[in-house]
Amino acid sequence: MGYLDNRFRKRERKSRRNYAIDDRLLQRLIDLTSVYEVSVSELVNVAITRLVETEKVSLYKRSEHENSVIRTFFICESNLSGLEVLRSKFGLSIFMLVNIAIRNLVEEKE
């Protein structure tokens, strides 16, 4: 295994997906892009990967006045299949699972 293999992940096919993300969570992701050299899509992929690995799916209460924003992300194929497994296992929508994944990532950072 060479230096590049240790430093970078191999490229994986990504698909374009639209998800409704809570405003508060999206703003936290945008804030993280100013700290790390990473895009919002890459952060969402990391969040989903972490959720698939840990299966830490816990519902949270949204503020009544909070809006959701529909954004387009490039999601890795492995994450899409992982979300399908979690959807079947927990009976939650993909949109909800993505928001839970982002919330878990943001809370872990804080």
N, C-alpha and C. Protein backbone atom coordinates (compact mmCIF):
# COMPACT_ATOMS: atom_id res chain seq x y z
N MET A 1 0.85 -1.17 0.00
CA MET A 1 0.00 0.00 0.00
C MET A 1 0.90 1.24 0.00
N GLY A 2 0.70 2.11 -0.97
CA GLY A 2 1.55 3.27 -1.11
C GLY A 2 1.06 4.47 -0.32
N TYR A 3 1.84 5.51 -0.42
CA TYR A 3 1.55 6.76 0.29
C TYR A 3 0.18 7.32 -0.10
N LEU A 4 -0.12 7.33 -1.39
CA LEU A 4 -1.40 7.87 -1.84
C LEU A 4 -2.57 7.04 -1.33
N ASP A 5 -2.40 5.73 -1.24
CA ASP A 5 -3.47 4.87 -0.73
C ASP A 5 -3.77 5.16 0.73
N ASN A 6 -2.74 5.52 1.50
CA ASN A 6 -2.95 5.87 2.91
C ASN A 6 -3.53 7.26 3.06
N ARG A 7 -3.23 8.12 2.13
CA ARG A 7 -3.62 9.53 2.22
C ARG A 7 -5.03 9.81 1.69
N PHE A 8 -5.41 9.11 0.63
CA PHE A 8 -6.68 9.38 -0.04
C PHE A 8 -7.48 8.11 -0.22
N ARG A 9 -8.81 8.27 -0.25
CA ARG A 9 -9.68 7.14 -0.55
C ARG A 9 -9.78 6.99 -2.06
N LYS A 10 -10.02 5.77 -2.49
CA LYS A 10 -10.22 5.52 -3.92
C LYS A 10 -11.54 6.16 -4.34
N ARG A 11 -11.58 6.61 -5.57
CA ARG A 11 -12.77 7.26 -6.11
C ARG A 11 -13.91 6.25 -6.23
N GLU A 12 -15.07 6.66 -5.78
CA GLU A 12 -16.26 5.82 -5.85
C GLU A 12 -17.32 6.55 -6.68
N ARG A 13 -18.11 5.79 -7.38
CA ARG A 13 -19.16 6.40 -8.19
C ARG A 13 -20.15 7.11 -7.27
N LYS A 14 -20.56 8.31 -7.67
CA LYS A 14 -21.51 9.11 -6.88
C LYS A 14 -22.74 9.41 -7.72
N SER A 15 -23.86 9.50 -7.04
CA SER A 15 -25.12 9.84 -7.69
C SER A 15 -25.65 11.13 -7.10
N ARG A 16 -26.30 11.86 -7.95
CA ARG A 16 -26.88 13.14 -7.54
C ARG A 16 -28.22 12.88 -6.86
N ARG A 17 -28.37 13.42 -5.63
CA ARG A 17 -29.61 13.24 -4.88
C ARG A 17 -30.03 14.58 -4.26
N ASN A 18 -31.33 14.80 -4.19
CA ASN A 18 -31.89 15.98 -3.53
C ASN A 18 -32.45 15.56 -2.18
N TYR A 19 -32.06 16.28 -1.15
CA TYR A 19 -32.55 16.01 0.20
C TYR A 19 -33.01 17.31 0.84
N ALA A 20 -34.08 17.22 1.63
CA ALA A 20 -34.55 18.35 2.42
C ALA A 20 -33.79 18.31 3.74
N ILE A 21 -32.97 19.33 3.96
CA ILE A 21 -32.13 19.40 5.15
C ILE A 21 -32.63 20.53 6.04
N ASP A 22 -32.70 20.29 7.33
CA ASP A 22 -33.10 21.33 8.27
C ASP A 22 -32.14 22.51 8.17
N ASP A 23 -32.69 23.72 8.18
CA ASP A 23 -31.89 24.95 8.06
C ASP A 23 -30.72 24.98 9.03
N ARG A 24 -31.00 24.67 10.28
CA ARG A 24 -29.98 24.73 11.33
C ARG A 24 -28.83 23.77 11.03
N LEU A 25 -29.16 22.57 10.58
CA LEU A 25 -28.13 21.58 10.27
C LEU A 25 -27.32 21.99 9.04
N LEU A 26 -27.99 22.52 8.04
CA LEU A 26 -27.29 22.97 6.84
C LEU A 26 -26.32 24.09 7.17
N GLN A 27 -26.73 25.02 8.01
CA GLN A 27 -25.85 26.12 8.39
C GLN A 27 -24.63 25.62 9.14
N ARG A 28 -24.81 24.62 9.97
CA ARG A 28 -23.66 24.05 10.70
C ARG A 28 -22.69 23.36 9.73
N LEU A 29 -23.23 22.69 8.72
CA LEU A 29 -22.36 22.09 7.70
C LEU A 29 -21.57 23.15 6.96
N ILE A 30 -22.23 24.22 6.59
CA ILE A 30 -21.56 25.31 5.89
C ILE A 30 -20.47 25.91 6.77
N ASP A 31 -20.74 26.05 8.06
CA ASP A 31 -19.72 26.56 9.00
C ASP A 31 -18.51 25.63 9.04
N LEU A 32 -18.74 24.32 8.99
CA LEU A 32 -17.63 23.37 9.01
C LEU A 32 -16.76 23.45 7.76
N THR A 33 -17.34 23.88 6.64
CA THR A 33 -16.53 24.01 5.41
C THR A 33 -15.52 25.14 5.51
N SER A 34 -15.74 26.07 6.44
CA SER A 34 -14.76 27.14 6.62
C SER A 34 -13.63 26.69 7.55
N VAL A 35 -13.83 25.59 8.26
CA VAL A 35 -12.80 25.05 9.16
C VAL A 35 -11.97 23.98 8.46
N TYR A 36 -12.64 23.12 7.70
CA TYR A 36 -11.99 22.00 7.03
C TYR A 36 -11.99 22.20 5.52
N GLU A 37 -11.02 21.63 4.85
CA GLU A 37 -10.98 21.65 3.38
C GLU A 37 -11.87 20.54 2.87
N VAL A 38 -13.16 20.83 2.85
CA VAL A 38 -14.15 19.83 2.49
C VAL A 38 -15.40 20.56 1.98
N SER A 39 -16.12 19.89 1.09
CA SER A 39 -17.37 20.47 0.59
C SER A 39 -18.53 19.98 1.45
N VAL A 40 -19.68 20.60 1.30
CA VAL A 40 -20.86 20.19 2.03
C VAL A 40 -21.24 18.76 1.63
N SER A 41 -21.14 18.43 0.35
CA SER A 41 -21.45 17.07 -0.11
C SER A 41 -20.53 16.04 0.54
N GLU A 42 -19.26 16.37 0.68
CA GLU A 42 -18.32 15.44 1.32
C GLU A 42 -18.66 15.26 2.80
N LEU A 43 -19.08 16.33 3.46
CA LEU A 43 -19.49 16.22 4.86
C LEU A 43 -20.73 15.34 5.00
N VAL A 44 -21.67 15.50 4.09
CA VAL A 44 -22.88 14.68 4.12
C VAL A 44 -22.51 13.21 3.91
N ASN A 45 -21.59 12.93 3.00
CA ASN A 45 -21.14 11.55 2.78
C ASN A 45 -20.48 10.98 4.03
N VAL A 46 -19.66 11.76 4.69
CA VAL A 46 -19.01 11.30 5.92
C VAL A 46 -20.07 11.02 6.99
N ALA A 47 -21.06 11.90 7.08
CA ALA A 47 -22.12 11.72 8.07
C ALA A 47 -22.91 10.44 7.80
N ILE A 48 -23.23 10.20 6.54
CA ILE A 48 -23.99 9.00 6.19
C ILE A 48 -23.15 7.75 6.44
N THR A 49 -21.88 7.78 6.07
CA THR A 49 -20.99 6.64 6.30
C THR A 49 -20.95 6.31 7.78
N ARG A 50 -20.82 7.34 8.61
CA ARG A 50 -20.76 7.14 10.06
C ARG A 50 -22.07 6.54 10.58
N LEU A 51 -23.20 7.03 10.07
CA LEU A 51 -24.49 6.51 10.50
C LEU A 51 -24.65 5.04 10.11
N VAL A 52 -24.24 4.70 8.91
CA VAL A 52 -24.34 3.32 8.44
C VAL A 52 -23.46 2.41 9.30
N GLU A 53 -22.28 2.88 9.67
CA GLU A 53 -21.36 2.07 10.48
C GLU A 53 -21.88 1.89 11.90
N THR A 54 -22.36 2.97 12.52
CA THR A 54 -22.74 2.93 13.93
C THR A 54 -24.20 2.54 14.16
N GLU A 55 -25.03 2.77 13.16
CA GLU A 55 -26.48 2.56 13.27
C GLU A 55 -27.06 3.30 14.47
N LYS A 56 -26.49 4.46 14.78
CA LYS A 56 -26.97 5.30 15.88
C LYS A 56 -28.12 6.16 15.36
N VAL A 57 -29.28 5.54 15.23
CA VAL A 57 -30.46 6.21 14.71
C VAL A 57 -31.36 6.58 15.88
N SER A 58 -31.39 7.86 16.19
CA SER A 58 -32.27 8.34 17.26
C SER A 58 -33.01 9.57 16.76
N LEU A 59 -34.31 9.54 16.95
CA LEU A 59 -35.14 10.65 16.50
C LEU A 59 -34.88 11.87 17.37
N TYR A 60 -35.08 13.03 16.79
CA TYR A 60 -34.92 14.27 17.53
C TYR A 60 -36.09 15.18 17.21
N LYS A 61 -36.36 16.09 18.12
CA LYS A 61 -37.49 17.01 17.95
C LYS A 61 -37.01 18.24 17.21
N ARG A 62 -37.71 18.53 16.12
CA ARG A 62 -37.45 19.72 15.33
C ARG A 62 -38.22 20.88 15.87
N SER A 63 -37.67 22.07 15.79
CA SER A 63 -38.39 23.27 16.17
C SER A 63 -39.56 23.48 15.22
N GLU A 64 -40.69 23.93 15.74
CA GLU A 64 -41.87 24.12 14.91
C GLU A 64 -41.65 25.16 13.82
N HIS A 65 -40.80 26.12 14.08
CA HIS A 65 -40.58 27.22 13.15
C HIS A 65 -39.41 26.99 12.21
N GLU A 66 -38.81 25.84 12.31
CA GLU A 66 -37.64 25.55 11.47
C GLU A 66 -38.07 25.07 10.10
N ASN A 67 -37.41 25.59 9.10
CA ASN A 67 -37.70 25.21 7.72
C ASN A 67 -36.66 24.23 7.23
N SER A 68 -37.01 23.56 6.16
CA SER A 68 -36.06 22.68 5.49
C SER A 68 -35.72 23.27 4.13
N VAL A 69 -34.50 23.04 3.71
CA VAL A 69 -34.03 23.52 2.43
C VAL A 69 -33.68 22.31 1.57
N ILE A 70 -34.15 22.30 0.35
CA ILE A 70 -33.82 21.20 -0.55
C ILE A 70 -32.50 21.52 -1.23
N ARG A 71 -31.53 20.63 -1.04
CA ARG A 71 -30.21 20.80 -1.63
C ARG A 71 -29.84 19.55 -2.39
N THR A 72 -28.99 19.73 -3.39
CA THR A 72 -28.49 18.62 -4.18
C THR A 72 -27.10 18.23 -3.68
N PHE A 73 -26.91 16.94 -3.46
CA PHE A 73 -25.63 16.41 -3.01
C PHE A 73 -25.21 15.28 -3.92
N PHE A 74 -23.91 15.04 -4.00
CA PHE A 74 -23.37 13.89 -4.71
C PHE A 74 -23.04 12.83 -3.66
N ILE A 75 -23.84 11.76 -3.64
CA ILE A 75 -23.74 10.75 -2.60
C ILE A 75 -23.12 9.48 -3.17
N CYS A 76 -22.18 8.90 -2.43
CA CYS A 76 -21.51 7.66 -2.85
C CYS A 76 -22.52 6.53 -2.92
N GLU A 77 -22.31 5.65 -3.90
CA GLU A 77 -23.21 4.51 -4.10
C GLU A 77 -23.29 3.62 -2.86
N SER A 78 -22.17 3.44 -2.17
CA SER A 78 -22.19 2.60 -0.97
C SER A 78 -23.05 3.23 0.12
N ASN A 79 -23.05 4.56 0.20
CA ASN A 79 -23.89 5.24 1.18
C ASN A 79 -25.37 5.12 0.83
N LEU A 80 -25.67 5.16 -0.46
CA LEU A 80 -27.07 5.01 -0.89
C LEU A 80 -27.60 3.64 -0.52
N SER A 81 -26.78 2.61 -0.74
CA SER A 81 -27.23 1.26 -0.38
C SER A 81 -27.31 1.11 1.14
N GLY A 82 -26.40 1.74 1.86
CA GLY A 82 -26.45 1.71 3.33
C GLY A 82 -27.69 2.39 3.87
N LEU A 83 -28.10 3.49 3.24
CA LEU A 83 -29.32 4.17 3.65
C LEU A 83 -30.55 3.30 3.40
N GLU A 84 -30.53 2.56 2.31
CA GLU A 84 -31.66 1.66 2.01
C GLU A 84 -31.77 0.57 3.08
N VAL A 85 -30.63 0.05 3.52
CA VAL A 85 -30.64 -0.98 4.57
C VAL A 85 -31.21 -0.39 5.86
N LEU A 86 -30.76 0.82 6.22
CA LEU A 86 -31.26 1.46 7.44
C LEU A 86 -32.75 1.79 7.32
N ARG A 87 -33.18 2.20 6.14
CA ARG A 87 -34.60 2.50 5.92
C ARG A 87 -35.45 1.26 6.17
N SER A 88 -34.98 0.13 5.67
CA SER A 88 -35.71 -1.12 5.88
C SER A 88 -35.68 -1.55 7.34
N LYS A 89 -34.55 -1.36 7.98
CA LYS A 89 -34.38 -1.82 9.35
C LYS A 89 -35.17 -0.97 10.35
N PHE A 90 -35.15 0.36 10.17
CA PHE A 90 -35.77 1.26 11.15
C PHE A 90 -37.12 1.83 10.70
N GLY A 91 -37.46 1.66 9.44
CA GLY A 91 -38.75 2.15 8.94
C GLY A 91 -38.84 3.66 8.85
N LEU A 92 -37.71 4.33 8.68
CA LEU A 92 -37.69 5.79 8.55
C LEU A 92 -37.41 6.17 7.11
N SER A 93 -37.82 7.37 6.74
CA SER A 93 -37.57 7.84 5.38
C SER A 93 -36.09 8.16 5.19
N ILE A 94 -35.67 8.15 3.95
CA ILE A 94 -34.27 8.49 3.62
C ILE A 94 -33.97 9.92 4.06
N PHE A 95 -34.92 10.84 3.82
CA PHE A 95 -34.71 12.23 4.22
C PHE A 95 -34.45 12.34 5.72
N MET A 96 -35.22 11.62 6.51
CA MET A 96 -35.05 11.66 7.95
C MET A 96 -33.71 11.05 8.35
N LEU A 97 -33.32 9.96 7.71
CA LEU A 97 -32.04 9.33 8.02
C LEU A 97 -30.87 10.25 7.70
N VAL A 98 -30.96 10.98 6.60
CA VAL A 98 -29.88 11.90 6.23
C VAL A 98 -29.79 13.02 7.26
N ASN A 99 -30.92 13.56 7.70
CA ASN A 99 -30.91 14.60 8.72
C ASN A 99 -30.36 14.08 10.04
N ILE A 100 -30.70 12.85 10.40
CA ILE A 100 -30.17 12.25 11.63
C ILE A 100 -28.66 12.08 11.51
N ALA A 101 -28.20 11.64 10.35
CA ALA A 101 -26.76 11.47 10.14
C ALA A 101 -26.02 12.79 10.30
N ILE A 102 -26.57 13.85 9.71
CA ILE A 102 -25.94 15.17 9.81
C ILE A 102 -25.95 15.65 11.25
N ARG A 103 -27.08 15.49 11.92
CA ARG A 103 -27.17 15.91 13.32
C ARG A 103 -26.14 15.17 14.18
N ASN A 104 -26.00 13.86 13.97
CA ASN A 104 -25.02 13.08 14.73
C ASN A 104 -23.61 13.62 14.50
N LEU A 105 -23.28 13.92 13.24
CA LEU A 105 -21.95 14.43 12.91
C LEU A 105 -21.69 15.79 13.56
N VAL A 106 -22.67 16.66 13.48
CA VAL A 106 -22.53 18.01 14.05
C VAL A 106 -22.41 17.93 15.56
N GLU A 107 -23.23 17.10 16.20
CA GLU A 107 -23.16 16.97 17.66
C GLU A 107 -21.84 16.36 18.10
N GLU A 108 -21.32 15.43 17.31
CA GLU A 108 -20.04 14.81 17.65
C GLU A 108 -18.90 15.85 17.57
N LYS A 109 -19.03 16.79 16.66
CA LYS A 109 -18.01 17.83 16.50
C LYS A 109 -18.04 18.83 17.65
N GLU A 110 -19.23 19.08 18.18
CA GLU A 110 -19.36 20.10 19.25
C GLU A 110 -18.87 19.65 20.57
